[in-house]
Amino acid sequence: MKFGVVVFPGSNCDRDMYDALEQDLGAEVRFLWHKDSDISAFSTEDCIVLPGGFSYGDYLRCGAIARFSPMMKSVIQFANQGGKVLGVCNGFQILCESGLLPGVLLQNMNRQFICKNVYIRSASGEALKIPIAHGEGRYHADEQLLDELEANGQVIFRYCDAAGSVTAAANPNGAARNIAGIQNKAGNVFGMMPHPERATSAALSNLDGFKVFAQLGLLPELVS
């Protein structure tokens, strides 16, 4: 599996993602510039990653301008053909703006930028320590859509405490139903606010990011 990491003006986690995938997970990775559109080197078995940051300065709404870049037109087509796409933080916002994922990301409930380690729980029930760094990470959707996400198994991560309990106190930004990440109905497009690429190095005393990539089906052969 190859990875392409899209670089927008204002991306600031593109290098973090590249290094985590290449150095820590041992994958083949290349950068993709936002003004380009050629991703013919990638098959539907590969993955395109939209990293965190502040694409186009987060003017208008987060991800609203990036959604119209030439590269995103190719990414949308790639996803619609079954290719894997992962959006982290600002990348999650771009996926929602582009319509590849439902719902929106709103300003944090406390109206402050939050940067800290949190715990998220996957479908397996394990609590994983993963950093967050966002000001507009509060996932929101109407009750009907939230019920559909639940029924379809599209909620992939929820904020929880260290014991894995999903509580209001463990929700850092006020996200609906503690949602930290979702996937599309087809199961090939993933979006999450926490940063797994910041949790793949022993030097940082946190390797839980490996488990996130594994649970998303990305490089499972390299993750025990």
C-alpha atoms as a PDB file:
ATOM      1  CA  MET A   1       0.000   0.000   0.000  1.00  0.00           C
ATOM      2  CA  LYS A   2       1.331   3.426  -1.018  1.00  0.00           C
ATOM      3  CA  PHE A   3       0.338   6.693   0.619  1.00  0.00           C
ATOM      4  CA  GLY A   4      -0.039  10.136  -0.910  1.00  0.00           C
ATOM      5  CA  VAL A   5      -0.028  13.086   1.495  1.00  0.00           C
ATOM      6  CA  VAL A   6      -1.719  16.178   0.067  1.00  0.00           C
ATOM      7  CA  VAL A   7      -0.039  19.509   0.826  1.00  0.00           C
ATOM      8  CA  PHE A   8      -2.216  22.635   0.883  1.00  0.00           C
ATOM      9  CA  PRO A   9      -1.006  26.165   1.610  1.00  0.00           C
ATOM     10  CA  GLY A  10      -1.368  26.242   5.381  1.00  0.00           C
ATOM     11  CA  SER A  11      -0.866  22.516   5.982  1.00  0.00           C
ATOM     12  CA  ASN A  12       1.337  22.069   9.043  1.00  0.00           C
ATOM     13  CA  CYS A  13       1.059  18.345   9.776  1.00  0.00           C
ATOM     14  CA  ASP A  14       2.007  17.097   6.317  1.00  0.00           C
ATOM     15  CA  ARG A  15       5.608  16.380   7.343  1.00  0.00           C
ATOM     16  CA  ASP A  16       4.466  14.752  10.587  1.00  0.00           C
ATOM     17  CA  MET A  17       2.202  12.426   8.611  1.00  0.00           C
ATOM     18  CA  TYR A  18       4.871  11.705   6.008  1.00  0.00           C
ATOM     19  CA  ASP A  19       7.476  10.828   8.641  1.00  0.00           C
ATOM     20  CA  ALA A  20       5.075   8.657  10.657  1.00  0.00           C
ATOM     21  CA  LEU A  21       4.078   6.673   7.575  1.00  0.00           C
ATOM     22  CA  GLU A  22       7.557   6.352   6.086  1.00  0.00           C
ATOM     23  CA  GLN A  23       9.885   6.161   9.083  1.00  0.00           C
ATOM     24  CA  ASP A  24       7.656   4.592  11.725  1.00  0.00           C
ATOM     25  CA  LEU A  25       5.353   2.408   9.623  1.00  0.00           C
ATOM     26  CA  GLY A  26       7.793   1.734   6.791  1.00  0.00           C
ATOM     27  CA  ALA A  27       5.407   2.672   3.983  1.00  0.00           C
ATOM     28  CA  GLU A  28       6.087   4.184   0.580  1.00  0.00           C
ATOM     29  CA  VAL A  29       4.937   7.798   0.719  1.00  0.00           C
ATOM     30  CA  ARG A  30       4.941  10.792  -1.584  1.00  0.00           C
ATOM     31  CA  PHE A  31       3.712  14.361  -1.281  1.00  0.00           C
ATOM     32  CA  LEU A  32       0.905  15.591  -3.539  1.00  0.00           C
ATOM     33  CA  TRP A  33       0.705  19.339  -4.254  1.00  0.00           C
ATOM     34  CA  HIS A  34      -2.745  20.924  -4.059  1.00  0.00           C
ATOM     35  CA  LYS A  35      -2.477  22.524  -7.511  1.00  0.00           C
ATOM     36  CA  ASP A  36      -1.685  19.218  -9.205  1.00  0.00           C
ATOM     37  CA  SER A  37      -4.342  16.683 -10.123  1.00  0.00           C
ATOM     38  CA  ASP A  38      -2.480  13.591 -11.314  1.00  0.00           C
ATOM     39  CA  ILE A  39      -2.785  10.664  -8.882  1.00  0.00           C
ATOM     40  CA  SER A  40      -2.535   7.979 -11.567  1.00  0.00           C
ATOM     41  CA  ALA A  41       0.378   6.404  -9.643  1.00  0.00           C
ATOM     42  CA  PHE A  42      -2.103   5.319  -6.963  1.00  0.00           C
ATOM     43  CA  SER A  43      -4.494   2.391  -7.213  1.00  0.00           C
ATOM     44  CA  THR A  44      -7.636   1.840  -5.187  1.00  0.00           C
ATOM     45  CA  GLU A  45      -5.519  -0.356  -2.893  1.00  0.00           C
ATOM     46  CA  ASP A  46      -3.550   2.737  -1.859  1.00  0.00           C
ATOM     47  CA  CYS A  47      -4.462   5.630   0.435  1.00  0.00           C
ATOM     48  CA  ILE A  48      -4.573   9.403  -0.001  1.00  0.00           C
ATOM     49  CA  VAL A  49      -4.163  11.377   3.239  1.00  0.00           C
ATOM     50  CA  LEU A  50      -5.402  14.904   3.928  1.00  0.00           C
ATOM     51  CA  PRO A  51      -3.262  16.142   6.850  1.00  0.00           C
ATOM     52  CA  GLY A  52      -3.941  18.620   9.600  1.00  0.00           C
ATOM     53  CA  GLY A  53      -3.241  22.323   9.500  1.00  0.00           C
ATOM     54  CA  PHE A  54      -5.013  25.453   8.333  1.00  0.00           C
ATOM     55  CA  SER A  55      -5.552  24.992   4.600  1.00  0.00           C
ATOM     56  CA  TYR A  56      -5.832  28.359   2.867  1.00  0.00           C
ATOM     57  CA  GLY A  57      -5.695  30.009   6.293  1.00  0.00           C
ATOM     58  CA  ASP A  58      -9.081  28.557   7.301  1.00  0.00           C
ATOM     59  CA  TYR A  59     -10.775  31.526   5.643  1.00  0.00           C
ATOM     60  CA  LEU A  60     -14.532  31.230   5.152  1.00  0.00           C
ATOM     61  CA  ARG A  61     -14.883  27.863   6.936  1.00  0.00           C
ATOM     62  CA  CYS A  62     -12.191  25.311   7.737  1.00  0.00           C
ATOM     63  CA  GLY A  63     -11.605  23.286   4.574  1.00  0.00           C
ATOM     64  CA  ALA A  64     -14.106  25.261   2.497  1.00  0.00           C
ATOM     65  CA  ILE A  65     -11.529  26.557   0.011  1.00  0.00           C
ATOM     66  CA  ALA A  66      -9.361  23.430  -0.064  1.00  0.00           C
ATOM     67  CA  ARG A  67     -12.388  21.464  -1.184  1.00  0.00           C
ATOM     68  CA  PHE A  68     -12.171  23.207  -4.595  1.00  0.00           C
ATOM     69  CA  SER A  69      -8.469  22.578  -5.252  1.00  0.00           C
ATOM     70  CA  PRO A  70      -7.497  20.606  -8.394  1.00  0.00           C
ATOM     71  CA  MET A  71      -6.092  17.826  -6.211  1.00  0.00           C
ATOM     72  CA  MET A  72      -9.349  17.456  -4.288  1.00  0.00           C
ATOM     73  CA  LYS A  73     -11.276  16.924  -7.514  1.00  0.00           C
ATOM     74  CA  SER A  74      -9.015  13.931  -8.157  1.00  0.00           C
ATOM     75  CA  VAL A  75      -9.292  12.750  -4.547  1.00  0.00           C
ATOM     76  CA  ILE A  76     -13.097  12.838  -4.730  1.00  0.00           C
ATOM     77  CA  GLN A  77     -13.022  10.768  -7.905  1.00  0.00           C
ATOM     78  CA  PHE A  78     -10.491   8.399  -6.319  1.00  0.00           C
ATOM     79  CA  ALA A  79     -12.721   7.895  -3.281  1.00  0.00           C
ATOM     80  CA  ASN A  80     -15.816   7.361  -5.410  1.00  0.00           C
ATOM     81  CA  GLN A  81     -13.935   4.596  -7.218  1.00  0.00           C
ATOM     82  CA  GLY A  82     -13.215   2.854  -3.924  1.00  0.00           C
ATOM     83  CA  GLY A  83      -9.779   4.242  -3.088  1.00  0.00           C
ATOM     84  CA  LYS A  84      -8.934   4.769   0.566  1.00  0.00           C
ATOM     85  CA  VAL A  85      -8.871   8.333   1.876  1.00  0.00           C
ATOM     86  CA  LEU A  86      -7.924   9.445   5.391  1.00  0.00           C
ATOM     87  CA  GLY A  87      -8.529  12.973   6.658  1.00  0.00           C
ATOM     88  CA  VAL A  88      -7.016  14.043   9.981  1.00  0.00           C
ATOM     89  CA  CYS A  89      -8.092  17.250  11.767  1.00  0.00           C
ATOM     90  CA  ASN A  90      -8.205  19.847   8.962  1.00  0.00           C
ATOM     91  CA  GLY A  91      -8.328  16.887   6.591  1.00  0.00           C
ATOM     92  CA  PHE A  92     -11.517  15.710   8.321  1.00  0.00           C
ATOM     93  CA  GLN A  93     -12.969  19.183   7.861  1.00  0.00           C
ATOM     94  CA  ILE A  94     -12.090  19.085   4.149  1.00  0.00           C
ATOM     95  CA  LEU A  95     -13.759  15.682   3.757  1.00  0.00           C
ATOM     96  CA  CYS A  96     -16.961  17.048   5.270  1.00  0.00           C
ATOM     97  CA  GLU A  97     -16.829  20.188   3.125  1.00  0.00           C
ATOM     98  CA  SER A  98     -16.312  18.083  -0.004  1.00  0.00           C
ATOM     99  CA  GLY A  99     -19.259  15.819   0.761  1.00  0.00           C
ATOM    100  CA  LEU A 100     -17.128  12.698   1.079  1.00  0.00           C
ATOM    101  CA  LEU A 101     -18.236  12.487   4.719  1.00  0.00           C
ATOM    102  CA  PRO A 102     -21.491  13.725   6.258  1.00  0.00           C
ATOM    103  CA  GLY A 103     -21.854  16.310   9.005  1.00  0.00           C
ATOM    104  CA  VAL A 104     -19.799  19.388   9.898  1.00  0.00           C
ATOM    105  CA  LEU A 105     -17.055  20.429  12.312  1.00  0.00           C
ATOM    106  CA  LEU A 106     -17.968  23.422  14.454  1.00  0.00           C
ATOM    107  CA  GLN A 107     -16.066  25.634  16.866  1.00  0.00           C
ATOM    108  CA  ASN A 108     -15.167  23.901  20.115  1.00  0.00           C
ATOM    109  CA  MET A 109     -17.817  24.320  22.773  1.00  0.00           C
ATOM    110  CA  ASN A 110     -15.444  26.290  25.005  1.00  0.00           C
ATOM    111  CA  ARG A 111     -14.485  28.537  22.035  1.00  0.00           C
ATOM    112  CA  GLN A 112     -10.809  27.840  22.667  1.00  0.00           C
ATOM    113  CA  PHE A 113      -8.067  26.048  20.779  1.00  0.00           C
ATOM    114  CA  ILE A 114      -7.368  22.720  22.507  1.00  0.00           C
ATOM    115  CA  CYS A 115      -4.007  20.945  22.312  1.00  0.00           C
ATOM    116  CA  LYS A 116      -3.545  17.926  24.565  1.00  0.00           C
ATOM    117  CA  ASN A 117      -3.628  14.148  24.777  1.00  0.00           C
ATOM    118  CA  VAL A 118      -7.073  12.585  24.903  1.00  0.00           C
ATOM    119  CA  TYR A 119      -8.416   9.055  24.820  1.00  0.00           C
ATOM    120  CA  ILE A 120     -10.540   7.646  22.041  1.00  0.00           C
ATOM    121  CA  ARG A 121     -12.350   4.328  21.909  1.00  0.00           C
ATOM    122  CA  SER A 122     -12.698   2.258  18.771  1.00  0.00           C
ATOM    123  CA  ALA A 123     -15.188  -0.464  17.976  1.00  0.00           C
ATOM    124  CA  SER A 124     -12.885  -2.914  19.773  1.00  0.00           C
ATOM    125  CA  GLY A 125     -13.476  -1.015  23.017  1.00  0.00           C
ATOM    126  CA  GLU A 126      -9.817  -0.249  23.698  1.00  0.00           C
ATOM    127  CA  ALA A 127      -8.937   3.245  24.921  1.00  0.00           C
ATOM    128  CA  LEU A 128      -6.153   4.783  22.813  1.00  0.00           C
ATOM    129  CA  LYS A 129      -4.185   7.879  23.833  1.00  0.00           C
ATOM    130  CA  ILE A 130      -4.017  10.211  20.827  1.00  0.00           C
ATOM    131  CA  PRO A 131      -3.222  13.969  20.735  1.00  0.00           C
ATOM    132  CA  ILE A 132      -5.683  16.593  19.539  1.00  0.00           C
ATOM    133  CA  ALA A 133      -4.924  20.131  18.356  1.00  0.00           C
ATOM    134  CA  HIS A 134      -7.923  22.041  17.019  1.00  0.00           C
ATOM    135  CA  GLY A 135     -10.181  25.012  17.503  1.00  0.00           C
ATOM    136  CA  GLU A 136     -13.056  23.768  15.359  1.00  0.00           C
ATOM    137  CA  GLY A 137     -13.306  20.056  16.040  1.00  0.00           C
ATOM    138  CA  ARG A 138     -16.819  19.690  17.401  1.00  0.00           C
ATOM    139  CA  TYR A 139     -18.562  17.142  15.199  1.00  0.00           C
ATOM    140  CA  HIS A 140     -22.187  18.057  14.563  1.00  0.00           C
ATOM    141  CA  ALA A 141     -25.075  16.515  12.645  1.00  0.00           C
ATOM    142  CA  ASP A 142     -28.841  16.395  13.110  1.00  0.00           C
ATOM    143  CA  GLU A 143     -30.354  13.569  15.108  1.00  0.00           C
ATOM    144  CA  GLN A 144     -31.526  11.681  12.025  1.00  0.00           C
ATOM    145  CA  LEU A 145     -28.027  11.626  10.539  1.00  0.00           C
ATOM    146  CA  LEU A 146     -26.486  10.682  13.879  1.00  0.00           C
ATOM    147  CA  ASP A 147     -28.902   7.767  14.164  1.00  0.00           C
ATOM    148  CA  GLU A 148     -27.978   6.678  10.621  1.00  0.00           C
ATOM    149  CA  LEU A 149     -24.263   6.810  11.428  1.00  0.00           C
ATOM    150  CA  GLU A 150     -24.863   4.665  14.493  1.00  0.00           C
ATOM    151  CA  ALA A 151     -27.040   2.169  12.632  1.00  0.00           C
ATOM    152  CA  ASN A 152     -24.561   1.826   9.768  1.00  0.00           C
ATOM    153  CA  GLY A 153     -21.527   1.402  12.020  1.00  0.00           C
ATOM    154  CA  GLN A 154     -19.977   4.596  10.657  1.00  0.00           C
ATOM    155  CA  VAL A 155     -18.812   5.972  14.011  1.00  0.00           C
ATOM    156  CA  ILE A 156     -15.271   4.664  14.262  1.00  0.00           C
ATOM    157  CA  PHE A 157     -13.902   6.590  17.259  1.00  0.00           C
ATOM    158  CA  ARG A 158     -15.452   8.258  20.315  1.00  0.00           C
ATOM    159  CA  TYR A 159     -13.838  10.371  23.008  1.00  0.00           C
ATOM    160  CA  CYS A 160     -13.543   8.403  26.241  1.00  0.00           C
ATOM    161  CA  ASP A 161     -11.628   8.329  29.500  1.00  0.00           C
ATOM    162  CA  ALA A 162      -8.530   6.227  30.183  1.00  0.00           C
ATOM    163  CA  ALA A 163     -10.709   3.292  31.163  1.00  0.00           C
ATOM    164  CA  GLY A 164     -12.647   3.419  27.897  1.00  0.00           C
ATOM    165  CA  SER A 165     -15.838   4.908  29.330  1.00  0.00           C
ATOM    166  CA  VAL A 166     -17.593   7.331  26.979  1.00  0.00           C
ATOM    167  CA  THR A 167     -18.598  10.228  29.221  1.00  0.00           C
ATOM    168  CA  ALA A 168     -19.382  13.913  28.884  1.00  0.00           C
ATOM    169  CA  ALA A 169     -16.323  14.731  30.974  1.00  0.00           C
ATOM    170  CA  ALA A 170     -14.097  12.927  28.455  1.00  0.00           C
ATOM    171  CA  ASN A 171     -15.473  14.965  25.530  1.00  0.00           C
ATOM    172  CA  PRO A 172     -12.926  17.760  24.895  1.00  0.00           C
ATOM    173  CA  ASN A 173     -14.881  19.831  22.389  1.00  0.00           C
ATOM    174  CA  GLY A 174     -18.590  19.080  22.825  1.00  0.00           C
ATOM    175  CA  ALA A 175     -18.820  16.762  19.826  1.00  0.00           C
ATOM    176  CA  ALA A 176     -22.217  15.154  19.286  1.00  0.00           C
ATOM    177  CA  ARG A 177     -22.323  11.744  20.992  1.00  0.00           C
ATOM    178  CA  ASN A 178     -18.579  12.054  21.757  1.00  0.00           C
ATOM    179  CA  ILE A 179     -17.779  11.410  18.092  1.00  0.00           C
ATOM    180  CA  ALA A 180     -14.059  11.719  17.305  1.00  0.00           C
ATOM    181  CA  GLY A 181     -14.077  10.001  13.910  1.00  0.00           C
ATOM    182  CA  ILE A 182     -16.409   8.571  11.278  1.00  0.00           C
ATOM    183  CA  GLN A 183     -16.275   6.705   7.973  1.00  0.00           C
ATOM    184  CA  ASN A 184     -18.460   6.694   4.889  1.00  0.00           C
ATOM    185  CA  LYS A 185     -20.998   3.972   4.181  1.00  0.00           C
ATOM    186  CA  ALA A 186     -18.606   2.173   1.836  1.00  0.00           C
ATOM    187  CA  GLY A 187     -15.909   2.046   4.526  1.00  0.00           C
ATOM    188  CA  ASN A 188     -13.108   3.526   2.419  1.00  0.00           C
ATOM    189  CA  VAL A 189     -13.141   7.182   3.550  1.00  0.00           C
ATOM    190  CA  PHE A 190     -12.141   7.970   7.144  1.00  0.00           C
ATOM    191  CA  GLY A 191     -12.123  11.245   9.035  1.00  0.00           C
ATOM    192  CA  MET A 192     -10.945  11.950  12.569  1.00  0.00           C
ATOM    193  CA  MET A 193      -9.937  14.979  14.631  1.00  0.00           C
ATOM    194  CA  PRO A 194      -7.209  13.340  16.795  1.00  0.00           C
ATOM    195  CA  HIS A 195      -3.725  12.988  15.290  1.00  0.00           C
ATOM    196  CA  PRO A 196      -2.539   9.343  15.091  1.00  0.00           C
ATOM    197  CA  GLU A 197       0.624  10.437  13.281  1.00  0.00           C
ATOM    198  CA  ARG A 198       1.756  12.085  16.530  1.00  0.00           C
ATOM    199  CA  ALA A 199       1.565   8.787  18.385  1.00  0.00           C
ATOM    200  CA  THR A 200       3.849   6.451  16.434  1.00  0.00           C
ATOM    201  CA  SER A 201       7.226   7.158  18.034  1.00  0.00           C
ATOM    202  CA  ALA A 202       8.807   5.601  21.104  1.00  0.00           C
ATOM    203  CA  ALA A 203      10.613   8.920  21.599  1.00  0.00           C
ATOM    204  CA  LEU A 204       7.219  10.432  22.384  1.00  0.00           C
ATOM    205  CA  SER A 205       6.324   7.541  24.717  1.00  0.00           C
ATOM    206  CA  ASN A 206       3.176   6.831  22.726  1.00  0.00           C
ATOM    207  CA  LEU A 207       2.633   4.161  20.091  1.00  0.00           C
ATOM    208  CA  ASP A 208      -1.173   4.070  20.109  1.00  0.00           C
ATOM    209  CA  GLY A 209      -1.216   5.683  16.675  1.00  0.00           C
ATOM    210  CA  PHE A 210      -0.115   2.333  15.250  1.00  0.00           C
ATOM    211  CA  LYS A 211      -3.343   0.813  16.519  1.00  0.00           C
ATOM    212  CA  VAL A 212      -5.384   3.555  14.873  1.00  0.00           C
ATOM    213  CA  PHE A 213      -3.829   2.867  11.468  1.00  0.00           C
ATOM    214  CA  ALA A 214      -4.308  -0.856  12.008  1.00  0.00           C
ATOM    215  CA  GLN A 215      -7.962  -0.515  12.968  1.00  0.00           C
ATOM    216  CA  LEU A 216      -8.582   1.556   9.846  1.00  0.00           C
ATOM    217  CA  GLY A 217      -7.114  -1.260   7.756  1.00  0.00           C
ATOM    218  CA  LEU A 218      -4.078   0.805   6.744  1.00  0.00           C
ATOM    219  CA  LEU A 219      -0.819  -1.146   6.740  1.00  0.00           C
ATOM    220  CA  PRO A 220      -2.141  -3.990   8.897  1.00  0.00           C
ATOM    221  CA  GLU A 221       0.781  -6.213   7.876  1.00  0.00           C
ATOM    222  CA  LEU A 222       3.197  -3.783   9.553  1.00  0.00           C
ATOM    223  CA  VAL A 223       1.302  -3.420  12.823  1.00  0.00           C
ATOM    224  CA  SER A 224       1.235  -6.167  15.448  1.00  0.00           C
END
